[in-house]
Amino acid sequence: MSGERRRVVVTGLGVVTPIGDTVDSFWRALVAGTSGVRPVGRFAPDGLGVHLTAEVRGFDPLEHADGRTVRASDPAAILLLASARQALAQAGLPGDADPRAIGVIAGVDVAHASISRAALLMR
């Protein structure tokens, strides 16, 4: 590395969380101190000793990928896809933009999906 400094510009944001599924709704909830923790809703948590979760509710994966992709993918991957598409749309990038000129930084909590599956398998 030559020590040359390169500029990075953030041109778009995207988010899908338990407190908001757009940047605006997420920011409003965050500033208001809204908690995304609620009773488990995706499955009956009987016998697990845990009854609270921070699930993303009201999210339709079929709005972001076809049925085959949804079935073959971890739910966290579809959440990531949805938030990345938001960021690209906010950036105003054309659909044929050079993917080598675009970077996406993402944070995803993938443990929840694995824990949910493990809980269902333990029954």
Foldseek 3Di string as FASTA:
>chain_A
DPPDDDDDDQQFWFAQWLQDGGPVSNVVCVVVVHDQKDFDDPDDCPPVPDGIDNDRPPDDLCVQDPPVCVVVDQPQVSRVSSGVVRRCVSSVDDPPPDPVVDDDDDDTDRVVSVVVVVSVVVD
